[in-house]
Amino acid sequence: MARRIIWSKNALRDKVWILDYWFKKIGTKTYSRKLNKELKLAIQNLKHFPQMGRLLENTEIRFLVVDYYQIFYNFSDTEIRILHLWDSRRNPEDLIIEN
């Protein structure tokens, strides 16, 4: 049975910021649309294969890499909760993941 996807406020904010950043940087929505499609596909795959992401050490949080971005999430029998999207080129010490 496929799990339901739930986006945290932080993850939604991250997604909007990332896609808007690329739109402003490039001046066209082409890359933003491509990246959004890749993120959606990866998250749809999580519905059926929630353990495909790597486990974050000493937590129940997993992450999946898509391009330069990490999708942090956890899951139960009924849902996948997207916690955060992170550009892996940023300083990892700035990353705060709330469960």
PDB file of N, CA and C in Angstrom:
ATOM      1  N   MET A   1       0.836  -1.186   0.000  1.00  0.00           N
ATOM      2  CA  MET A   1       0.000   0.000   0.000  1.00  0.00           C
ATOM      3  C   MET A   1       0.882   1.251   0.000  1.00  0.00           C
ATOM      4  N   ALA A   2       0.574   2.183  -0.856  1.00  0.00           N
ATOM      5  CA  ALA A   2       1.358   3.419  -0.941  1.00  0.00           C
ATOM      6  C   ALA A   2       1.058   4.314   0.257  1.00  0.00           C
ATOM      7  N   ARG A   3       2.087   4.933   0.741  1.00  0.00           N
ATOM      8  CA  ARG A   3       1.943   5.840   1.874  1.00  0.00           C
ATOM      9  C   ARG A   3       1.576   7.240   1.385  1.00  0.00           C
ATOM     10  N   ARG A   4       0.952   8.008   2.255  1.00  0.00           N
ATOM     11  CA  ARG A   4       0.587   9.388   1.955  1.00  0.00           C
ATOM     12  C   ARG A   4       1.799  10.281   2.216  1.00  0.00           C
ATOM     13  N   ILE A   5       2.008  11.279   1.358  1.00  0.00           N
ATOM     14  CA  ILE A   5       3.118  12.224   1.513  1.00  0.00           C
ATOM     15  C   ILE A   5       2.635  13.434   2.303  1.00  0.00           C
ATOM     16  N   ILE A   6       3.375  13.788   3.340  1.00  0.00           N
ATOM     17  CA  ILE A   6       3.074  14.976   4.133  1.00  0.00           C
ATOM     18  C   ILE A   6       4.327  15.847   4.162  1.00  0.00           C
ATOM     19  N   TRP A   7       4.167  17.107   3.762  1.00  0.00           N
ATOM     20  CA  TRP A   7       5.277  18.063   3.757  1.00  0.00           C
ATOM     21  C   TRP A   7       5.232  18.904   5.025  1.00  0.00           C
ATOM     22  N   SER A   8       6.349  19.011   5.726  1.00  0.00           N
ATOM     23  CA  SER A   8       6.425  19.932   6.861  1.00  0.00           C
ATOM     24  C   SER A   8       6.479  21.361   6.325  1.00  0.00           C
ATOM     25  N   LYS A   9       6.181  22.316   7.191  1.00  0.00           N
ATOM     26  CA  LYS A   9       6.268  23.729   6.791  1.00  0.00           C
ATOM     27  C   LYS A   9       7.686  24.074   6.355  1.00  0.00           C
ATOM     28  N   ASN A  10       8.666  23.555   7.071  1.00  0.00           N
ATOM     29  CA  ASN A  10      10.068  23.822   6.719  1.00  0.00           C
ATOM     30  C   ASN A  10      10.409  23.282   5.337  1.00  0.00           C
ATOM     31  N   ALA A  11       9.962  22.075   5.048  1.00  0.00           N
ATOM     32  CA  ALA A  11      10.269  21.466   3.750  1.00  0.00           C
ATOM     33  C   ALA A  11       9.596  22.230   2.610  1.00  0.00           C
ATOM     34  N   LEU A  12       8.361  22.654   2.817  1.00  0.00           N
ATOM     35  CA  LEU A  12       7.677  23.445   1.787  1.00  0.00           C
ATOM     36  C   LEU A  12       8.391  24.769   1.558  1.00  0.00           C
ATOM     37  N   ARG A  13       8.797  25.400   2.638  1.00  0.00           N
ATOM     38  CA  ARG A  13       9.544  26.660   2.534  1.00  0.00           C
ATOM     39  C   ARG A  13      10.861  26.435   1.793  1.00  0.00           C
ATOM     40  N   ASP A  14      11.555  25.361   2.125  1.00  0.00           N
ATOM     41  CA  ASP A  14      12.816  25.037   1.443  1.00  0.00           C
ATOM     42  C   ASP A  14      12.595  24.865  -0.058  1.00  0.00           C
ATOM     43  N   LYS A  15      11.551  24.128  -0.411  1.00  0.00           N
ATOM     44  CA  LYS A  15      11.271  23.851  -1.820  1.00  0.00           C
ATOM     45  C   LYS A  15      10.999  25.142  -2.586  1.00  0.00           C
ATOM     46  N   VAL A  16      10.158  25.987  -2.031  1.00  0.00           N
ATOM     47  CA  VAL A  16       9.848  27.266  -2.686  1.00  0.00           C
ATOM     48  C   VAL A  16      11.116  28.097  -2.831  1.00  0.00           C
ATOM     49  N   TRP A  17      11.920  28.150  -1.781  1.00  0.00           N
ATOM     50  CA  TRP A  17      13.144  28.959  -1.812  1.00  0.00           C
ATOM     51  C   TRP A  17      14.104  28.443  -2.885  1.00  0.00           C
ATOM     52  N   ILE A  18      14.306  27.138  -2.931  1.00  0.00           N
ATOM     53  CA  ILE A  18      15.238  26.539  -3.897  1.00  0.00           C
ATOM     54  C   ILE A  18      14.782  26.795  -5.330  1.00  0.00           C
ATOM     55  N   LEU A  19      13.520  26.533  -5.605  1.00  0.00           N
ATOM     56  CA  LEU A  19      13.016  26.721  -6.970  1.00  0.00           C
ATOM     57  C   LEU A  19      13.037  28.196  -7.371  1.00  0.00           C
ATOM     58  N   ASP A  20      12.703  29.082  -6.434  1.00  0.00           N
ATOM     59  CA  ASP A  20      12.739  30.521  -6.710  1.00  0.00           C
ATOM     60  C   ASP A  20      14.175  31.002  -6.933  1.00  0.00           C
ATOM     61  N   TYR A  21      15.105  30.469  -6.148  1.00  0.00           N
ATOM     62  CA  TYR A  21      16.516  30.832  -6.304  1.00  0.00           C
ATOM     63  C   TYR A  21      16.980  30.565  -7.736  1.00  0.00           C
ATOM     64  N   TRP A  22      16.673  29.365  -8.242  1.00  0.00           N
ATOM     65  CA  TRP A  22      17.119  29.011  -9.592  1.00  0.00           C
ATOM     66  C   TRP A  22      16.412  29.827 -10.661  1.00  0.00           C
ATOM     67  N   PHE A  23      15.161  30.150 -10.433  1.00  0.00           N
ATOM     68  CA  PHE A  23      14.449  31.007 -11.384  1.00  0.00           C
ATOM     69  C   PHE A  23      15.118  32.382 -11.457  1.00  0.00           C
ATOM     70  N   LYS A  24      15.433  32.957 -10.289  1.00  0.00           N
ATOM     71  CA  LYS A  24      16.073  34.279 -10.257  1.00  0.00           C
ATOM     72  C   LYS A  24      17.492  34.227 -10.812  1.00  0.00           C
ATOM     73  N   LYS A  25      18.220  33.169 -10.511  1.00  0.00           N
ATOM     74  CA  LYS A  25      19.613  33.068 -10.959  1.00  0.00           C
ATOM     75  C   LYS A  25      19.711  32.902 -12.476  1.00  0.00           C
ATOM     76  N   ILE A  26      18.856  32.085 -13.048  1.00  0.00           N
ATOM     77  CA  ILE A  26      18.938  31.773 -14.471  1.00  0.00           C
ATOM     78  C   ILE A  26      18.039  32.683 -15.312  1.00  0.00           C
ATOM     79  N   GLY A  27      16.941  33.133 -14.715  1.00  0.00           N
ATOM     80  CA  GLY A  27      16.030  34.008 -15.446  1.00  0.00           C
ATOM     81  C   GLY A  27      14.974  33.267 -16.241  1.00  0.00           C
ATOM     82  N   THR A  28      14.907  31.969 -16.050  1.00  0.00           N
ATOM     83  CA  THR A  28      13.888  31.150 -16.710  1.00  0.00           C
ATOM     84  C   THR A  28      13.483  30.033 -15.752  1.00  0.00           C
ATOM     85  N   LYS A  29      12.291  29.501 -15.932  1.00  0.00           N
ATOM     86  CA  LYS A  29      11.799  28.443 -15.047  1.00  0.00           C
ATOM     87  C   LYS A  29      12.203  27.040 -15.505  1.00  0.00           C
ATOM     88  N   THR A  30      12.954  26.941 -16.566  1.00  0.00           N
ATOM     89  CA  THR A  30      13.291  25.634 -17.130  1.00  0.00           C
ATOM     90  C   THR A  30      13.975  24.728 -16.109  1.00  0.00           C
ATOM     91  N   TYR A  31      15.048  25.209 -15.476  1.00  0.00           N
ATOM     92  CA  TYR A  31      15.759  24.361 -14.514  1.00  0.00           C
ATOM     93  C   TYR A  31      14.905  24.105 -13.273  1.00  0.00           C
ATOM     94  N   SER A  32      14.176  25.126 -12.817  1.00  0.00           N
ATOM     95  CA  SER A  32      13.304  24.942 -11.651  1.00  0.00           C
ATOM     96  C   SER A  32      12.277  23.847 -11.911  1.00  0.00           C
ATOM     97  N   ARG A  33      11.699  23.843 -13.090  1.00  0.00           N
ATOM     98  CA  ARG A  33      10.722  22.803 -13.437  1.00  0.00           C
ATOM     99  C   ARG A  33      11.370  21.423 -13.488  1.00  0.00           C
ATOM    100  N   LYS A  34      12.563  21.356 -14.063  1.00  0.00           N
ATOM    101  CA  LYS A  34      13.286  20.077 -14.149  1.00  0.00           C
ATOM    102  C   LYS A  34      13.601  19.549 -12.748  1.00  0.00           C
ATOM    103  N   LEU A  35      14.115  20.420 -11.893  1.00  0.00           N
ATOM    104  CA  LEU A  35      14.453  20.020 -10.529  1.00  0.00           C
ATOM    105  C   LEU A  35      13.199  19.610  -9.764  1.00  0.00           C
ATOM    106  N   ASN A  36      12.134  20.369  -9.902  1.00  0.00           N
ATOM    107  CA  ASN A  36      10.881  20.044  -9.231  1.00  0.00           C
ATOM    108  C   ASN A  36      10.375  18.670  -9.668  1.00  0.00           C
ATOM    109  N   LYS A  37      10.482  18.372 -10.945  1.00  0.00           N
ATOM    110  CA  LYS A  37      10.054  17.072 -11.468  1.00  0.00           C
ATOM    111  C   LYS A  37      10.906  15.946 -10.874  1.00  0.00           C
ATOM    112  N   GLU A  38      12.222  16.168 -10.763  1.00  0.00           N
ATOM    113  CA  GLU A  38      13.115  15.154 -10.181  1.00  0.00           C
ATOM    114  C   GLU A  38      12.797  14.923  -8.704  1.00  0.00           C
ATOM    115  N   LEU A  39      12.535  16.003  -7.971  1.00  0.00           N
ATOM    116  CA  LEU A  39      12.186  15.877  -6.554  1.00  0.00           C
ATOM    117  C   LEU A  39      10.872  15.114  -6.393  1.00  0.00           C
ATOM    118  N   LYS A  40       9.878  15.469  -7.203  1.00  0.00           N
ATOM    119  CA  LYS A  40       8.583  14.781  -7.137  1.00  0.00           C
ATOM    120  C   LYS A  40       8.723  13.291  -7.430  1.00  0.00           C
ATOM    121  N   LEU A  41       9.499  12.951  -8.445  1.00  0.00           N
ATOM    122  CA  LEU A  41       9.692  11.546  -8.802  1.00  0.00           C
ATOM    123  C   LEU A  41      10.352  10.777  -7.659  1.00  0.00           C
ATOM    124  N   ALA A  42      11.386  11.366  -7.069  1.00  0.00           N
ATOM    125  CA  ALA A  42      12.075  10.706  -5.952  1.00  0.00           C
ATOM    126  C   ALA A  42      11.120  10.495  -4.781  1.00  0.00           C
ATOM    127  N   ILE A  43      10.314  11.502  -4.492  1.00  0.00           N
ATOM    128  CA  ILE A  43       9.378  11.399  -3.369  1.00  0.00           C
ATOM    129  C   ILE A  43       8.272  10.390  -3.675  1.00  0.00           C
ATOM    130  N   GLN A  44       7.813  10.331  -4.914  1.00  0.00           N
ATOM    131  CA  GLN A  44       6.820   9.319  -5.292  1.00  0.00           C
ATOM    132  C   GLN A  44       7.392   7.911  -5.112  1.00  0.00           C
ATOM    133  N   ASN A  45       8.664   7.733  -5.428  1.00  0.00           N
ATOM    134  CA  ASN A  45       9.307   6.429  -5.227  1.00  0.00           C
ATOM    135  C   ASN A  45       9.352   6.051  -3.752  1.00  0.00           C
ATOM    136  N   LEU A  46       9.480   7.058  -2.885  1.00  0.00           N
ATOM    137  CA  LEU A  46       9.500   6.785  -1.447  1.00  0.00           C
ATOM    138  C   LEU A  46       8.184   6.185  -0.961  1.00  0.00           C
ATOM    139  N   LYS A  47       7.092   6.507  -1.625  1.00  0.00           N
ATOM    140  CA  LYS A  47       5.791   5.954  -1.224  1.00  0.00           C
ATOM    141  C   LYS A  47       5.833   4.427  -1.193  1.00  0.00           C
ATOM    142  N   HIS A  48       6.517   3.849  -2.147  1.00  0.00           N
ATOM    143  CA  HIS A  48       6.560   2.389  -2.267  1.00  0.00           C
ATOM    144  C   HIS A  48       7.834   1.770  -1.691  1.00  0.00           C
ATOM    145  N   PHE A  49       8.890   2.565  -1.628  1.00  0.00           N
ATOM    146  CA  PHE A  49      10.183   2.073  -1.129  1.00  0.00           C
ATOM    147  C   PHE A  49      10.747   3.046  -0.087  1.00  0.00           C
ATOM    148  N   PRO A  50      10.104   3.186   1.060  1.00  0.00           N
ATOM    149  CA  PRO A  50      10.506   4.206   2.034  1.00  0.00           C
ATOM    150  C   PRO A  50      11.893   3.994   2.641  1.00  0.00           C
ATOM    151  N   GLN A  51      12.412   2.789   2.560  1.00  0.00           N
ATOM    152  CA  GLN A  51      13.723   2.528   3.144  1.00  0.00           C
ATOM    153  C   GLN A  51      14.859   2.759   2.163  1.00  0.00           C
ATOM    154  N   MET A  52      14.558   3.307   0.991  1.00  0.00           N
ATOM    155  CA  MET A  52      15.611   3.494  -0.010  1.00  0.00           C
ATOM    156  C   MET A  52      16.605   4.584   0.379  1.00  0.00           C
ATOM    157  N   GLY A  53      16.211   5.518   1.225  1.00  0.00           N
ATOM    158  CA  GLY A  53      17.134   6.553   1.677  1.00  0.00           C
ATOM    159  C   GLY A  53      18.056   6.036   2.765  1.00  0.00           C
ATOM    160  N   ARG A  54      19.185   6.709   2.903  1.00  0.00           N
ATOM    161  CA  ARG A  54      20.146   6.327   3.953  1.00  0.00           C
ATOM    162  C   ARG A  54      19.664   6.840   5.298  1.00  0.00           C
ATOM    163  N   LEU A  55      19.925   6.074   6.328  1.00  0.00           N
ATOM    164  CA  LEU A  55      19.542   6.435   7.683  1.00  0.00           C
ATOM    165  C   LEU A  55      20.552   7.414   8.261  1.00  0.00           C
ATOM    166  N   LEU A  56      20.056   8.506   8.826  1.00  0.00           N
ATOM    167  CA  LEU A  56      20.909   9.470   9.508  1.00  0.00           C
ATOM    168  C   LEU A  56      21.349   8.840  10.825  1.00  0.00           C
ATOM    169  N   GLU A  57      22.603   8.949  11.132  1.00  0.00           N
ATOM    170  CA  GLU A  57      23.165   8.280  12.298  1.00  0.00           C
ATOM    171  C   GLU A  57      22.404   8.624  13.579  1.00  0.00           C
ATOM    172  N   ASN A  58      22.070   7.591  14.348  1.00  0.00           N
ATOM    173  CA  ASN A  58      21.418   7.711  15.652  1.00  0.00           C
ATOM    174  C   ASN A  58      20.051   8.387  15.600  1.00  0.00           C
ATOM    175  N   THR A  59      19.337   8.264  14.488  1.00  0.00           N
ATOM    176  CA  THR A  59      17.997   8.851  14.376  1.00  0.00           C
ATOM    177  C   THR A  59      17.096   7.909  13.584  1.00  0.00           C
ATOM    178  N   GLU A  60      15.840   8.275  13.495  1.00  0.00           N
ATOM    179  CA  GLU A  60      14.882   7.579  12.634  1.00  0.00           C
ATOM    180  C   GLU A  60      14.691   8.348  11.330  1.00  0.00           C
ATOM    181  N   ILE A  61      15.520   9.355  11.113  1.00  0.00           N
ATOM    182  CA  ILE A  61      15.418  10.204   9.926  1.00  0.00           C
ATOM    183  C   ILE A  61      16.290   9.627   8.819  1.00  0.00           C
ATOM    184  N   ARG A  62      15.745   9.625   7.626  1.00  0.00           N
ATOM    185  CA  ARG A  62      16.468   9.160   6.450  1.00  0.00           C
ATOM    186  C   ARG A  62      16.662  10.318   5.491  1.00  0.00           C
ATOM    187  N   PHE A  63      17.590  10.130   4.545  1.00  0.00           N
ATOM    188  CA  PHE A  63      17.753  11.142   3.503  1.00  0.00           C
ATOM    189  C   PHE A  63      18.017  10.468   2.170  1.00  0.00           C
ATOM    190  N   LEU A  64      17.550  11.149   1.144  1.00  0.00           N
ATOM    191  CA  LEU A  64      17.692  10.686  -0.222  1.00  0.00           C
ATOM    192  C   LEU A  64      18.317  11.823  -1.013  1.00  0.00           C
ATOM    193  N   VAL A  65      19.311  11.514  -1.833  1.00  0.00           N
ATOM    194  CA  VAL A  65      20.016  12.540  -2.604  1.00  0.00           C
ATOM    195  C   VAL A  65      19.411  12.632  -4.003  1.00  0.00           C
ATOM    196  N   VAL A  66      19.085  13.861  -4.396  1.00  0.00           N
ATOM    197  CA  VAL A  66      18.591  14.164  -5.741  1.00  0.00           C
ATOM    198  C   VAL A  66      19.405  15.347  -6.236  1.00  0.00           C
ATOM    199  N   ASP A  67      20.254  15.103  -7.217  1.00  0.00           N
ATOM    200  CA  ASP A  67      21.145  16.138  -7.734  1.00  0.00           C
ATOM    201  C   ASP A  67      22.015  16.629  -6.571  1.00  0.00           C
ATOM    202  N   TYR A  68      22.017  17.921  -6.286  1.00  0.00           N
ATOM    203  CA  TYR A  68      22.792  18.453  -5.164  1.00  0.00           C
ATOM    204  C   TYR A  68      21.963  18.546  -3.886  1.00  0.00           C
ATOM    205  N   TYR A  69      20.766  18.035  -3.903  1.00  0.00           N
ATOM    206  CA  TYR A  69      19.837  18.229  -2.788  1.00  0.00           C
ATOM    207  C   TYR A  69      19.593  16.942  -2.027  1.00  0.00           C
ATOM    208  N   GLN A  70      19.388  17.105  -0.732  1.00  0.00           N
ATOM    209  CA  GLN A  70      19.060  15.982   0.131  1.00  0.00           C
ATOM    210  C   GLN A  70      17.630  16.175   0.621  1.00  0.00           C
ATOM    211  N   ILE A  71      16.839  15.133   0.507  1.00  0.00           N
ATOM    212  CA  ILE A  71      15.474  15.129   1.014  1.00  0.00           C
ATOM    213  C   ILE A  71      15.512  14.376   2.338  1.00  0.00           C
ATOM    214  N   PHE A  72      15.255  15.073   3.434  1.00  0.00           N
ATOM    215  CA  PHE A  72      15.227  14.441   4.751  1.00  0.00           C
ATOM    216  C   PHE A  72      13.784  14.072   5.068  1.00  0.00           C
ATOM    217  N   TYR A  73      13.578  12.850   5.549  1.00  0.00           N
ATOM    218  CA  TYR A  73      12.219  12.373   5.788  1.00  0.00           C
ATOM    219  C   TYR A  73      12.216  11.280   6.846  1.00  0.00           C
ATOM    220  N   ASN A  74      11.036  11.003   7.360  1.00  0.00           N
ATOM    221  CA  ASN A  74      10.815   9.801   8.149  1.00  0.00           C
ATOM    222  C   ASN A  74       9.513   9.179   7.660  1.00  0.00           C
ATOM    223  N   PHE A  75       9.208   7.990   8.117  1.00  0.00           N
ATOM    224  CA  PHE A  75       8.009   7.329   7.607  1.00  0.00           C
ATOM    225  C   PHE A  75       7.391   6.402   8.638  1.00  0.00           C
ATOM    226  N   SER A  76       6.125   6.120   8.404  1.00  0.00           N
ATOM    227  CA  SER A  76       5.387   5.139   9.199  1.00  0.00           C
ATOM    228  C   SER A  76       4.687   4.199   8.214  1.00  0.00           C
ATOM    229  N   ASP A  77       3.819   3.364   8.715  1.00  0.00           N
ATOM    230  CA  ASP A  77       3.087   2.444   7.837  1.00  0.00           C
ATOM    231  C   ASP A  77       2.143   3.174   6.888  1.00  0.00           C
ATOM    232  N   THR A  78       1.740   4.388   7.252  1.00  0.00           N
ATOM    233  CA  THR A  78       0.726   5.088   6.458  1.00  0.00           C
ATOM    234  C   THR A  78       1.211   6.358   5.776  1.00  0.00           C
ATOM    235  N   GLU A  79       2.374   6.889   6.183  1.00  0.00           N
ATOM    236  CA  GLU A  79       2.795   8.171   5.601  1.00  0.00           C
ATOM    237  C   GLU A  79       4.305   8.329   5.492  1.00  0.00           C
ATOM    238  N   ILE A  80       4.681   9.210   4.585  1.00  0.00           N
ATOM    239  CA  ILE A  80       6.065   9.676   4.442  1.00  0.00           C
ATOM    240  C   ILE A  80       6.023  11.149   4.817  1.00  0.00           C
ATOM    241  N   ARG A  81       6.818  11.543   5.775  1.00  0.00           N
ATOM    242  CA  ARG A  81       6.837  12.946   6.205  1.00  0.00           C
ATOM    243  C   ARG A  81       8.135  13.584   5.713  1.00  0.00           C
ATOM    244  N   ILE A  82       8.008  14.542   4.788  1.00  0.00           N
ATOM    245  CA  ILE A  82       9.166  15.267   4.260  1.00  0.00           C
ATOM    246  C   ILE A  82       9.502  16.360   5.268  1.00  0.00           C
ATOM    247  N   LEU A  83      10.697  16.288   5.837  1.00  0.00           N
ATOM    248  CA  LEU A  83      11.083  17.193   6.915  1.00  0.00           C
ATOM    249  C   LEU A  83      11.856  18.408   6.433  1.00  0.00           C
ATOM    250  N   HIS A  84      12.710  18.188   5.415  1.00  0.00           N
ATOM    251  CA  HIS A  84      13.615  19.264   5.019  1.00  0.00           C
ATOM    252  C   HIS A  84      14.202  18.956   3.649  1.00  0.00           C
ATOM    253  N   LEU A  85      14.443  19.983   2.858  1.00  0.00           N
ATOM    254  CA  LEU A  85      15.229  19.863   1.630  1.00  0.00           C
ATOM    255  C   LEU A  85      16.491  20.673   1.858  1.00  0.00           C
ATOM    256  N   TRP A  86      17.626  20.112   1.500  1.00  0.00           N
ATOM    257  CA  TRP A  86      18.898  20.753   1.828  1.00  0.00           C
ATOM    258  C   TRP A  86      19.838  20.719   0.633  1.00  0.00           C
ATOM    259  N   ASP A  87      20.411  21.859   0.318  1.00  0.00           N
ATOM    260  CA  ASP A  87      21.431  21.941  -0.726  1.00  0.00           C
ATOM    261  C   ASP A  87      22.736  21.450  -0.114  1.00  0.00           C
ATOM    262  N   SER A  88      23.244  20.339  -0.595  1.00  0.00           N
ATOM    263  CA  SER A  88      24.424  19.718   0.020  1.00  0.00           C
ATOM    264  C   SER A  88      25.702  20.523  -0.182  1.00  0.00           C
ATOM    265  N   ARG A  89      25.638  21.595  -0.957  1.00  0.00           N
ATOM    266  CA  ARG A  89      26.807  22.468  -1.115  1.00  0.00           C
ATOM    267  C   ARG A  89      26.895  23.481   0.021  1.00  0.00           C
ATOM    268  N   ARG A  90      25.852  23.563   0.827  1.00  0.00           N
ATOM    269  CA  ARG A  90      25.862  24.479   1.966  1.00  0.00           C
ATOM    270  C   ARG A  90      26.623  23.855   3.136  1.00  0.00           C
ATOM    271  N   ASN A  91      26.948  24.695   4.103  1.00  0.00           N
ATOM    272  CA  ASN A  91      27.667  24.247   5.292  1.00  0.00           C
ATOM    273  C   ASN A  91      26.772  23.304   6.103  1.00  0.00           C
ATOM    274  N   PRO A  92      27.179  22.058   6.302  1.00  0.00           N
ATOM    275  CA  PRO A  92      26.336  21.110   7.032  1.00  0.00           C
ATOM    276  C   PRO A  92      26.107  21.501   8.491  1.00  0.00           C
ATOM    277  N   GLU A  93      26.968  22.337   9.040  1.00  0.00           N
ATOM    278  CA  GLU A  93      26.775  22.778  10.422  1.00  0.00           C
ATOM    279  C   GLU A  93      25.553  23.679  10.561  1.00  0.00           C
ATOM    280  N   ASP A  94      25.075  24.241   9.450  1.00  0.00           N
ATOM    281  CA  ASP A  94      23.887  25.097   9.474  1.00  0.00           C
ATOM    282  C   ASP A  94      22.588  24.294   9.406  1.00  0.00           C
ATOM    283  N   LEU A  95      22.682  23.005   9.169  1.00  0.00           N
ATOM    284  CA  LEU A  95      21.498  22.167   8.998  1.00  0.00           C
ATOM    285  C   LEU A  95      20.869  21.830  10.344  1.00  0.00           C
ATOM    286  N   ILE A  96      19.595  22.154  10.467  1.00  0.00           N
ATOM    287  CA  ILE A  96      18.818  21.802  11.655  1.00  0.00           C
ATOM    288  C   ILE A  96      17.591  21.050  11.167  1.00  0.00           C
ATOM    289  N   ILE A  97      17.438  19.825  11.605  1.00  0.00           N
ATOM    290  CA  ILE A  97      16.298  19.012  11.183  1.00  0.00           C
ATOM    291  C   ILE A  97      15.405  18.776  12.390  1.00  0.00           C
ATOM    292  N   GLU A  98      14.172  19.240  12.269  1.00  0.00           N
ATOM    293  CA  GLU A  98      13.196  19.016  13.334  1.00  0.00           C
ATOM    294  C   GLU A  98      12.318  17.848  12.947  1.00  0.00           C
ATOM    295  N   ASN A  99      12.193  16.909  13.828  1.00  0.00           N
ATOM    296  CA  ASN A  99      11.410  15.712  13.564  1.00  0.00           C
ATOM    297  C   ASN A  99       9.932  15.950  13.692  1.00  0.00           C
TER     298      ASN A  99
END
